């Protein structure tokens, strides 16, 4: 099972269109957004995905009007972080800000994958049999570093696609 991972899209509609096309081309089963969408009209663009959208709101989403309405309208599964889900027999914890992770994991021992955003920096590491992944920049703020992630839940591997 393939999961698309994206973070920190920050209203960049041009990049979001590319992101959606890449995820649809890769035929991912789900897309997880780790926050900082920043605008309801931008959020609505994700309705063009050929799969379900799941995620958390980021620090730049907390005062934005209309995000919850769009989430409800398109049956996106979004909430304030952290969000715990089980997909493909893998327990996934979704955060925006990474500073919440350690405290959460100290109370939840059965997590296989931790996804986060916020830093705009790539992260892929395994600690105590848990895969930590952040595909990094996707908002266009760091020229030439735009990427999304593809998470293979069977193999428990993650890779990036640059655009």
N, C-alpha and C. Protein backbone atom coordinates (compact mmCIF):
# COMPACT_ATOMS: atom_id res chain seq x y z
N UNK A 1 0.85 -1.18 0.00
CA UNK A 1 0.00 0.00 0.00
C UNK A 1 0.89 1.24 0.00
N UNK A 2 0.57 2.19 -0.86
CA UNK A 2 1.35 3.42 -1.00
C UNK A 2 0.60 4.61 -0.41
N UNK A 3 1.32 5.39 0.38
CA UNK A 3 0.78 6.59 1.00
C UNK A 3 1.58 7.78 0.50
N UNK A 4 0.90 8.79 0.00
CA UNK A 4 1.56 10.03 -0.35
C UNK A 4 1.67 10.91 0.89
N UNK A 5 2.80 11.60 1.02
CA UNK A 5 3.02 12.47 2.18
C UNK A 5 3.44 13.84 1.67
N UNK A 6 2.77 14.88 2.19
CA UNK A 6 3.09 16.25 1.81
C UNK A 6 2.94 17.14 3.03
N UNK A 7 3.71 18.20 3.05
CA UNK A 7 3.64 19.13 4.16
C UNK A 7 3.90 20.55 3.69
N UNK A 8 3.40 21.48 4.48
CA UNK A 8 3.75 22.89 4.32
C UNK A 8 3.57 23.40 2.90
N UNK A 9 2.37 23.24 2.36
CA UNK A 9 2.09 23.72 1.01
C UNK A 9 1.87 25.23 0.96
N UNK A 10 1.55 25.85 2.09
CA UNK A 10 1.52 27.31 2.25
C UNK A 10 0.92 28.08 1.06
N UNK A 11 -0.26 27.69 0.62
CA UNK A 11 -0.98 28.46 -0.40
C UNK A 11 -0.34 28.50 -1.78
N UNK A 12 0.63 27.68 -2.05
CA UNK A 12 1.27 27.70 -3.36
C UNK A 12 0.45 26.83 -4.32
N UNK A 13 -0.54 27.44 -4.95
CA UNK A 13 -1.47 26.71 -5.81
C UNK A 13 -0.75 26.05 -6.98
N UNK A 14 0.22 26.72 -7.56
CA UNK A 14 0.98 26.15 -8.67
C UNK A 14 1.64 24.82 -8.24
N UNK A 15 2.26 24.83 -7.08
CA UNK A 15 2.89 23.60 -6.59
C UNK A 15 1.86 22.55 -6.20
N UNK A 16 0.74 22.98 -5.61
CA UNK A 16 -0.29 22.03 -5.21
C UNK A 16 -0.84 21.29 -6.43
N UNK A 17 -1.01 21.97 -7.54
CA UNK A 17 -1.46 21.30 -8.76
C UNK A 17 -0.45 20.24 -9.20
N UNK A 18 0.84 20.55 -9.09
CA UNK A 18 1.88 19.57 -9.42
C UNK A 18 1.85 18.40 -8.45
N UNK A 19 1.68 18.70 -7.19
CA UNK A 19 1.64 17.68 -6.13
C UNK A 19 0.49 16.70 -6.38
N UNK A 20 -0.67 17.23 -6.66
CA UNK A 20 -1.85 16.39 -6.92
C UNK A 20 -1.61 15.51 -8.14
N UNK A 21 -1.07 16.09 -9.20
CA UNK A 21 -0.78 15.31 -10.42
C UNK A 21 0.22 14.19 -10.13
N UNK A 22 1.24 14.47 -9.32
CA UNK A 22 2.22 13.44 -8.98
C UNK A 22 1.60 12.32 -8.16
N UNK A 23 0.80 12.65 -7.17
CA UNK A 23 0.16 11.62 -6.35
C UNK A 23 -0.81 10.79 -7.19
N UNK A 24 -1.56 11.43 -8.07
CA UNK A 24 -2.48 10.69 -8.93
C UNK A 24 -1.71 9.78 -9.89
N UNK A 25 -0.58 10.25 -10.41
CA UNK A 25 0.25 9.44 -11.30
C UNK A 25 0.84 8.24 -10.56
N UNK A 26 1.24 8.43 -9.32
CA UNK A 26 1.82 7.35 -8.51
C UNK A 26 0.77 6.36 -8.01
N UNK A 27 -0.49 6.72 -8.16
CA UNK A 27 -1.62 5.88 -7.75
C UNK A 27 -1.54 5.51 -6.27
N UNK A 28 -1.28 6.52 -5.44
CA UNK A 28 -1.24 6.29 -4.00
C UNK A 28 -2.64 5.96 -3.49
N UNK A 29 -2.68 5.20 -2.40
CA UNK A 29 -3.96 4.80 -1.81
C UNK A 29 -4.55 5.87 -0.90
N UNK A 30 -3.69 6.66 -0.29
CA UNK A 30 -4.08 7.76 0.58
C UNK A 30 -3.03 8.86 0.43
N UNK A 31 -3.41 10.09 0.76
CA UNK A 31 -2.44 11.18 0.91
C UNK A 31 -2.59 11.71 2.33
N UNK A 32 -1.44 11.88 2.98
CA UNK A 32 -1.41 12.48 4.31
C UNK A 32 -0.71 13.83 4.20
N UNK A 33 -1.41 14.87 4.67
CA UNK A 33 -0.86 16.23 4.69
C UNK A 33 -0.55 16.55 6.15
N UNK A 34 0.69 16.94 6.41
CA UNK A 34 1.10 17.18 7.79
C UNK A 34 1.00 18.66 8.20
N UNK A 35 0.18 19.41 7.51
CA UNK A 35 -0.17 20.75 7.97
C UNK A 35 0.49 21.91 7.26
N UNK A 36 -0.07 23.07 7.53
CA UNK A 36 0.24 24.37 6.93
C UNK A 36 -0.24 24.45 5.48
N UNK A 37 -1.54 24.36 5.36
CA UNK A 37 -2.23 24.54 4.08
C UNK A 37 -2.45 26.04 3.87
N UNK A 38 -2.98 26.69 4.88
CA UNK A 38 -3.06 28.15 5.02
C UNK A 38 -4.24 28.85 4.36
N UNK A 39 -5.08 28.18 3.63
CA UNK A 39 -6.20 28.88 3.00
C UNK A 39 -7.25 27.88 2.56
N UNK A 40 -8.52 28.20 2.79
CA UNK A 40 -9.61 27.29 2.45
C UNK A 40 -9.69 27.02 0.94
N UNK A 41 -9.53 28.05 0.12
CA UNK A 41 -9.59 27.84 -1.34
C UNK A 41 -8.45 26.94 -1.81
N UNK A 42 -7.29 27.09 -1.19
CA UNK A 42 -6.15 26.23 -1.50
C UNK A 42 -6.44 24.80 -1.07
N UNK A 43 -7.00 24.63 0.11
CA UNK A 43 -7.35 23.32 0.65
C UNK A 43 -8.30 22.59 -0.30
N UNK A 44 -9.24 23.33 -0.86
CA UNK A 44 -10.23 22.76 -1.77
C UNK A 44 -9.59 22.11 -2.99
N UNK A 45 -8.43 22.60 -3.44
CA UNK A 45 -7.73 22.04 -4.60
C UNK A 45 -7.45 20.55 -4.41
N UNK A 46 -7.24 20.12 -3.16
CA UNK A 46 -6.94 18.71 -2.89
C UNK A 46 -8.11 17.78 -3.18
N UNK A 47 -9.28 18.33 -3.46
CA UNK A 47 -10.42 17.48 -3.83
C UNK A 47 -10.18 16.81 -5.19
N UNK A 48 -9.16 17.23 -5.93
CA UNK A 48 -8.82 16.61 -7.22
C UNK A 48 -7.99 15.34 -7.06
N UNK A 49 -7.63 15.00 -5.85
CA UNK A 49 -6.90 13.75 -5.63
C UNK A 49 -7.79 12.56 -5.97
N UNK A 50 -7.18 11.49 -6.45
CA UNK A 50 -7.92 10.27 -6.75
C UNK A 50 -7.95 9.32 -5.56
N UNK A 51 -7.76 9.85 -4.37
CA UNK A 51 -7.76 9.04 -3.15
C UNK A 51 -8.19 9.92 -1.98
N UNK A 52 -8.29 9.30 -0.82
CA UNK A 52 -8.69 9.99 0.39
C UNK A 52 -7.54 10.86 0.93
N UNK A 53 -7.90 12.04 1.46
CA UNK A 53 -6.94 12.95 2.08
C UNK A 53 -7.14 12.93 3.59
N UNK A 54 -6.02 12.73 4.30
CA UNK A 54 -6.00 12.66 5.76
C UNK A 54 -4.94 13.64 6.23
N UNK A 55 -5.11 14.21 7.42
CA UNK A 55 -4.03 15.06 7.90
C UNK A 55 -4.32 15.81 9.17
N UNK A 56 -3.40 16.73 9.45
CA UNK A 56 -3.50 17.59 10.62
C UNK A 56 -3.31 19.04 10.18
N UNK A 57 -3.84 19.92 11.00
CA UNK A 57 -3.64 21.34 10.76
C UNK A 57 -2.29 21.77 11.33
N UNK A 58 -1.66 22.72 10.66
CA UNK A 58 -0.38 23.25 11.11
C UNK A 58 -0.54 24.54 11.88
N UNK A 59 0.56 25.07 12.37
CA UNK A 59 0.52 26.31 13.14
C UNK A 59 -0.02 27.48 12.32
N UNK A 60 0.18 27.48 11.01
CA UNK A 60 -0.34 28.57 10.17
C UNK A 60 -1.79 28.36 9.76
N UNK A 61 -2.37 27.23 10.15
CA UNK A 61 -3.78 26.94 9.82
C UNK A 61 -4.72 27.30 10.96
N UNK A 62 -4.21 27.49 12.13
CA UNK A 62 -5.04 27.57 13.34
C UNK A 62 -5.99 28.76 13.36
N UNK A 63 -5.68 29.83 12.67
CA UNK A 63 -6.57 30.99 12.65
C UNK A 63 -7.23 31.20 11.30
N UNK A 64 -7.12 30.22 10.43
CA UNK A 64 -7.70 30.34 9.08
C UNK A 64 -9.16 29.93 9.08
N UNK A 65 -10.00 30.78 8.56
CA UNK A 65 -11.43 30.48 8.47
C UNK A 65 -11.71 29.59 7.27
N UNK A 66 -12.63 28.67 7.43
CA UNK A 66 -13.10 27.86 6.31
C UNK A 66 -12.41 26.53 6.11
N UNK A 67 -11.30 26.27 6.78
CA UNK A 67 -10.61 24.99 6.57
C UNK A 67 -11.47 23.82 7.02
N UNK A 68 -12.09 23.96 8.17
CA UNK A 68 -12.94 22.87 8.67
C UNK A 68 -14.14 22.65 7.76
N UNK A 69 -14.71 23.72 7.22
CA UNK A 69 -15.83 23.59 6.28
C UNK A 69 -15.43 22.82 5.03
N UNK A 70 -14.25 23.11 4.49
CA UNK A 70 -13.76 22.40 3.30
C UNK A 70 -13.49 20.94 3.65
N UNK A 71 -12.91 20.70 4.81
CA UNK A 71 -12.64 19.33 5.25
C UNK A 71 -13.94 18.53 5.32
N UNK A 72 -14.97 19.12 5.88
CA UNK A 72 -16.27 18.44 5.97
C UNK A 72 -16.90 18.25 4.60
N UNK A 73 -16.82 19.27 3.76
CA UNK A 73 -17.43 19.22 2.43
C UNK A 73 -16.89 18.06 1.60
N UNK A 74 -15.58 17.82 1.67
CA UNK A 74 -14.95 16.79 0.84
C UNK A 74 -14.59 15.52 1.61
N UNK A 75 -15.06 15.42 2.84
CA UNK A 75 -14.78 14.26 3.70
C UNK A 75 -13.28 14.02 3.89
N UNK A 76 -12.53 15.12 3.95
CA UNK A 76 -11.12 15.01 4.34
C UNK A 76 -11.11 14.68 5.83
N UNK A 77 -10.18 13.87 6.26
CA UNK A 77 -10.09 13.51 7.68
C UNK A 77 -8.97 14.32 8.33
N UNK A 78 -9.32 15.52 8.81
CA UNK A 78 -8.35 16.45 9.39
C UNK A 78 -8.72 16.78 10.82
N UNK A 79 -7.68 17.05 11.62
CA UNK A 79 -7.88 17.47 12.99
C UNK A 79 -6.62 18.18 13.47
N UNK A 80 -6.69 18.74 14.66
CA UNK A 80 -5.49 19.28 15.32
C UNK A 80 -4.56 18.11 15.63
N UNK A 81 -3.26 18.32 15.54
CA UNK A 81 -2.33 17.23 15.85
C UNK A 81 -2.26 16.95 17.36
N UNK A 82 -1.88 15.73 17.69
CA UNK A 82 -1.52 14.62 16.81
C UNK A 82 -2.74 13.84 16.37
N UNK A 83 -2.58 13.12 15.29
CA UNK A 83 -3.62 12.23 14.78
C UNK A 83 -3.01 10.85 14.65
N UNK A 84 -3.69 9.86 15.19
CA UNK A 84 -3.25 8.47 15.08
C UNK A 84 -4.20 7.72 14.17
N UNK A 85 -3.64 6.99 13.22
CA UNK A 85 -4.46 6.19 12.32
C UNK A 85 -3.80 4.83 12.10
N UNK A 86 -4.61 3.88 11.66
CA UNK A 86 -4.09 2.58 11.27
C UNK A 86 -4.46 2.37 9.81
N UNK A 87 -3.44 2.20 8.98
CA UNK A 87 -3.63 1.92 7.56
C UNK A 87 -2.72 0.76 7.21
N UNK A 88 -3.26 -0.24 6.53
CA UNK A 88 -2.43 -1.36 6.09
C UNK A 88 -1.71 -2.05 7.23
N UNK A 89 -2.39 -2.18 8.36
CA UNK A 89 -1.82 -2.80 9.56
C UNK A 89 -0.60 -2.06 10.12
N UNK A 90 -0.48 -0.79 9.80
CA UNK A 90 0.58 0.05 10.36
C UNK A 90 -0.05 1.18 11.15
N UNK A 91 0.48 1.42 12.33
CA UNK A 91 0.03 2.53 13.16
C UNK A 91 0.87 3.75 12.82
N UNK A 92 0.18 4.80 12.41
CA UNK A 92 0.84 6.01 11.94
C UNK A 92 0.42 7.17 12.84
N UNK A 93 1.40 7.93 13.30
CA UNK A 93 1.14 9.13 14.09
C UNK A 93 1.50 10.33 13.22
N UNK A 94 0.58 11.29 13.13
CA UNK A 94 0.76 12.46 12.27
C UNK A 94 0.83 13.71 13.14
N UNK A 95 1.88 14.49 12.90
CA UNK A 95 2.11 15.73 13.63
C UNK A 95 2.38 16.83 12.61
N UNK A 96 2.30 18.07 13.05
CA UNK A 96 2.87 19.15 12.27
C UNK A 96 4.22 19.48 12.89
N UNK A 97 4.21 19.95 14.11
CA UNK A 97 5.44 20.34 14.79
C UNK A 97 6.09 19.12 15.46
N UNK A 98 7.37 18.91 15.19
CA UNK A 98 8.02 17.71 15.73
C UNK A 98 8.24 17.72 17.24
N UNK A 99 8.14 18.87 17.88
CA UNK A 99 8.40 18.93 19.33
C UNK A 99 7.35 18.17 20.15
N UNK A 100 6.24 17.78 19.56
CA UNK A 100 5.21 17.03 20.27
C UNK A 100 5.42 15.52 20.21
N UNK A 101 6.35 15.07 19.39
CA UNK A 101 6.49 13.64 19.10
C UNK A 101 6.94 12.82 20.31
N UNK A 102 8.00 13.24 20.97
CA UNK A 102 8.56 12.43 22.06
C UNK A 102 7.55 12.18 23.17
N UNK A 103 6.85 13.21 23.57
CA UNK A 103 5.84 13.06 24.62
C UNK A 103 4.75 12.08 24.18
N UNK A 104 4.29 12.20 22.94
CA UNK A 104 3.26 11.30 22.42
C UNK A 104 3.76 9.86 22.41
N UNK A 105 4.97 9.63 21.92
CA UNK A 105 5.50 8.27 21.84
C UNK A 105 5.75 7.65 23.21
N UNK A 106 5.99 8.47 24.21
CA UNK A 106 6.19 7.93 25.56
C UNK A 106 4.90 7.31 26.10
N UNK A 107 3.76 7.71 25.54
CA UNK A 107 2.46 7.18 25.97
C UNK A 107 1.84 6.22 24.96
N UNK A 108 2.45 6.08 23.77
CA UNK A 108 1.91 5.24 22.70
C UNK A 108 3.04 4.41 22.12
N UNK A 109 3.15 3.19 22.58
CA UNK A 109 4.29 2.34 22.24
C UNK A 109 4.14 1.60 20.91
N UNK A 110 2.96 1.57 20.35
CA UNK A 110 2.71 0.71 19.19
C UNK A 110 2.75 1.45 17.84
N UNK A 111 3.48 2.54 17.75
CA UNK A 111 3.55 3.34 16.52
C UNK A 111 4.64 2.80 15.60
N UNK A 112 4.31 2.64 14.31
CA UNK A 112 5.26 2.17 13.30
C UNK A 112 5.89 3.32 12.53
N UNK A 113 5.09 4.38 12.29
CA UNK A 113 5.53 5.50 11.45
C UNK A 113 5.12 6.81 12.11
N UNK A 114 6.05 7.77 12.13
CA UNK A 114 5.77 9.13 12.57
C UNK A 114 6.00 10.05 11.38
N UNK A 115 4.97 10.82 11.04
CA UNK A 115 5.06 11.80 9.96
C UNK A 115 4.93 13.19 10.56
N UNK A 116 5.73 14.12 10.06
CA UNK A 116 5.60 15.49 10.53
C UNK A 116 6.06 16.45 9.44
N UNK A 117 5.80 17.72 9.68
CA UNK A 117 6.21 18.79 8.77
C UNK A 117 6.88 19.88 9.58
N UNK A 118 6.49 21.11 9.30
CA UNK A 118 6.87 22.32 10.02
C UNK A 118 8.29 22.81 9.73
N UNK A 119 9.26 21.96 9.67
CA UNK A 119 10.66 22.38 9.55
C UNK A 119 11.07 22.70 8.12
N UNK A 120 10.29 22.22 7.13
CA UNK A 120 10.62 22.34 5.71
C UNK A 120 11.92 21.61 5.40
N UNK A 121 12.30 20.69 6.27
CA UNK A 121 13.55 19.94 6.08
C UNK A 121 13.26 18.45 5.99
N UNK A 122 13.98 17.82 5.09
CA UNK A 122 13.88 16.37 4.89
C UNK A 122 14.32 15.62 6.14
N UNK A 123 13.56 14.60 6.46
CA UNK A 123 13.94 13.71 7.56
C UNK A 123 13.48 12.30 7.22
N UNK A 124 14.39 11.37 7.27
CA UNK A 124 14.05 9.95 7.14
C UNK A 124 15.03 9.18 8.01
N UNK A 125 14.51 8.65 9.09
CA UNK A 125 15.37 7.89 10.00
C UNK A 125 14.53 6.86 10.75
N UNK A 126 15.20 5.85 11.24
CA UNK A 126 14.53 4.83 12.05
C UNK A 126 15.15 4.87 13.44
N UNK A 127 14.29 5.05 14.42
CA UNK A 127 14.69 5.03 15.83
C UNK A 127 13.78 4.06 16.56
N UNK A 128 14.36 3.09 17.25
CA UNK A 128 13.57 2.11 18.02
C UNK A 128 12.47 1.48 17.17
N UNK A 129 12.82 1.10 15.95
CA UNK A 129 11.90 0.44 15.00
C UNK A 129 10.75 1.34 14.54
N UNK A 130 10.86 2.64 14.73
CA UNK A 130 9.85 3.59 14.26
C UNK A 130 10.47 4.40 13.12
N UNK A 131 9.77 4.46 11.97
CA UNK A 131 10.21 5.27 10.84
C UNK A 131 9.70 6.70 11.03
N UNK A 132 10.61 7.65 11.07
CA UNK A 132 10.29 9.08 11.14
C UNK A 132 10.49 9.64 9.74
N UNK A 133 9.46 10.37 9.22
CA UNK A 133 9.57 10.86 7.85
C UNK A 133 8.93 12.23 7.71
N UNK A 134 9.67 13.11 7.07
CA UNK A 134 9.18 14.42 6.63
C UNK A 134 9.78 14.61 5.23
N UNK A 135 8.94 14.70 4.20
CA UNK A 135 9.49 14.85 2.85
C UNK A 135 10.18 16.19 2.62
N UNK A 136 9.93 17.15 3.50
CA UNK A 136 10.59 18.45 3.39
C UNK A 136 9.78 19.46 2.63
N UNK A 137 10.47 20.36 2.01
CA UNK A 137 9.92 21.54 1.33
C UNK A 137 8.95 21.17 0.20
N UNK A 138 7.79 21.81 0.18
CA UNK A 138 6.89 21.68 -0.97
C UNK A 138 6.22 23.01 -1.34
N UNK A 139 6.51 24.04 -0.59
CA UNK A 139 5.85 25.33 -0.79
C UNK A 139 6.59 26.25 -1.75
N UNK A 140 7.75 25.85 -2.20
CA UNK A 140 8.49 26.70 -3.13
C UNK A 140 9.36 27.74 -2.45
N UNK A 141 9.49 27.67 -1.15
CA UNK A 141 10.28 28.66 -0.42
C UNK A 141 11.78 28.44 -0.58
N UNK A 142 12.17 27.20 -0.80
CA UNK A 142 13.58 26.88 -1.01
C UNK A 142 13.73 26.35 -2.43
N UNK A 143 14.08 27.22 -3.33
CA UNK A 143 14.16 26.91 -4.76
C UNK A 143 14.92 25.61 -5.02
N UNK A 144 14.31 24.74 -5.85
CA UNK A 144 14.95 23.49 -6.24
C UNK A 144 14.85 22.38 -5.23
N UNK A 145 14.15 22.61 -4.12
CA UNK A 145 14.06 21.59 -3.06
C UNK A 145 12.65 21.08 -2.86
N UNK A 146 11.74 21.39 -3.77
CA UNK A 146 10.36 20.94 -3.61
C UNK A 146 10.27 19.43 -3.75
N UNK A 147 9.61 18.80 -2.77
CA UNK A 147 9.49 17.35 -2.79
C UNK A 147 8.21 16.91 -2.09
N UNK A 148 7.74 15.75 -2.49
CA UNK A 148 6.68 15.03 -1.79
C UNK A 148 7.26 13.68 -1.41
N UNK A 149 6.56 12.95 -0.57
CA UNK A 149 7.03 11.64 -0.16
C UNK A 149 6.07 10.55 -0.57
N UNK A 150 6.64 9.38 -0.78
CA UNK A 150 5.86 8.17 -1.02
C UNK A 150 6.29 7.16 0.03
N UNK A 151 5.34 6.72 0.81
CA UNK A 151 5.58 5.77 1.89
C UNK A 151 5.00 4.43 1.48
N UNK A 152 5.84 3.40 1.43
CA UNK A 152 5.40 2.03 1.14
C UNK A 152 5.19 1.35 2.48
N UNK A 153 3.94 1.10 2.84
CA UNK A 153 3.65 0.54 4.15
C UNK A 153 4.04 -0.92 4.28
N UNK A 154 4.00 -1.67 3.19
CA UNK A 154 4.42 -3.08 3.25
C UNK A 154 5.89 -3.20 3.58
N UNK A 155 6.72 -2.51 2.82
CA UNK A 155 8.17 -2.56 2.99
C UNK A 155 8.66 -1.63 4.10
N UNK A 156 7.79 -0.74 4.56
CA UNK A 156 8.11 0.31 5.52
C UNK A 156 9.33 1.10 5.07
N UNK A 157 9.19 1.64 3.84
CA UNK A 157 10.23 2.49 3.25
C UNK A 157 9.59 3.80 2.80
N UNK A 158 10.44 4.81 2.68
CA UNK A 158 9.96 6.12 2.23
C UNK A 158 10.95 6.66 1.22
N UNK A 159 10.40 7.34 0.20
CA UNK A 159 11.25 7.97 -0.81
C UNK A 159 10.66 9.33 -1.13
N UNK A 160 11.48 10.15 -1.78
CA UNK A 160 11.01 11.48 -2.18
C UNK A 160 10.94 11.58 -3.69
N UNK A 161 10.01 12.39 -4.14
CA UNK A 161 9.91 12.77 -5.54
C UNK A 161 10.07 14.28 -5.60
N UNK A 162 11.07 14.74 -6.33
CA UNK A 162 11.30 16.18 -6.46
C UNK A 162 10.50 16.71 -7.66
N UNK A 163 10.07 17.95 -7.55
CA UNK A 163 9.36 18.60 -8.66
C UNK A 163 9.74 20.05 -8.74
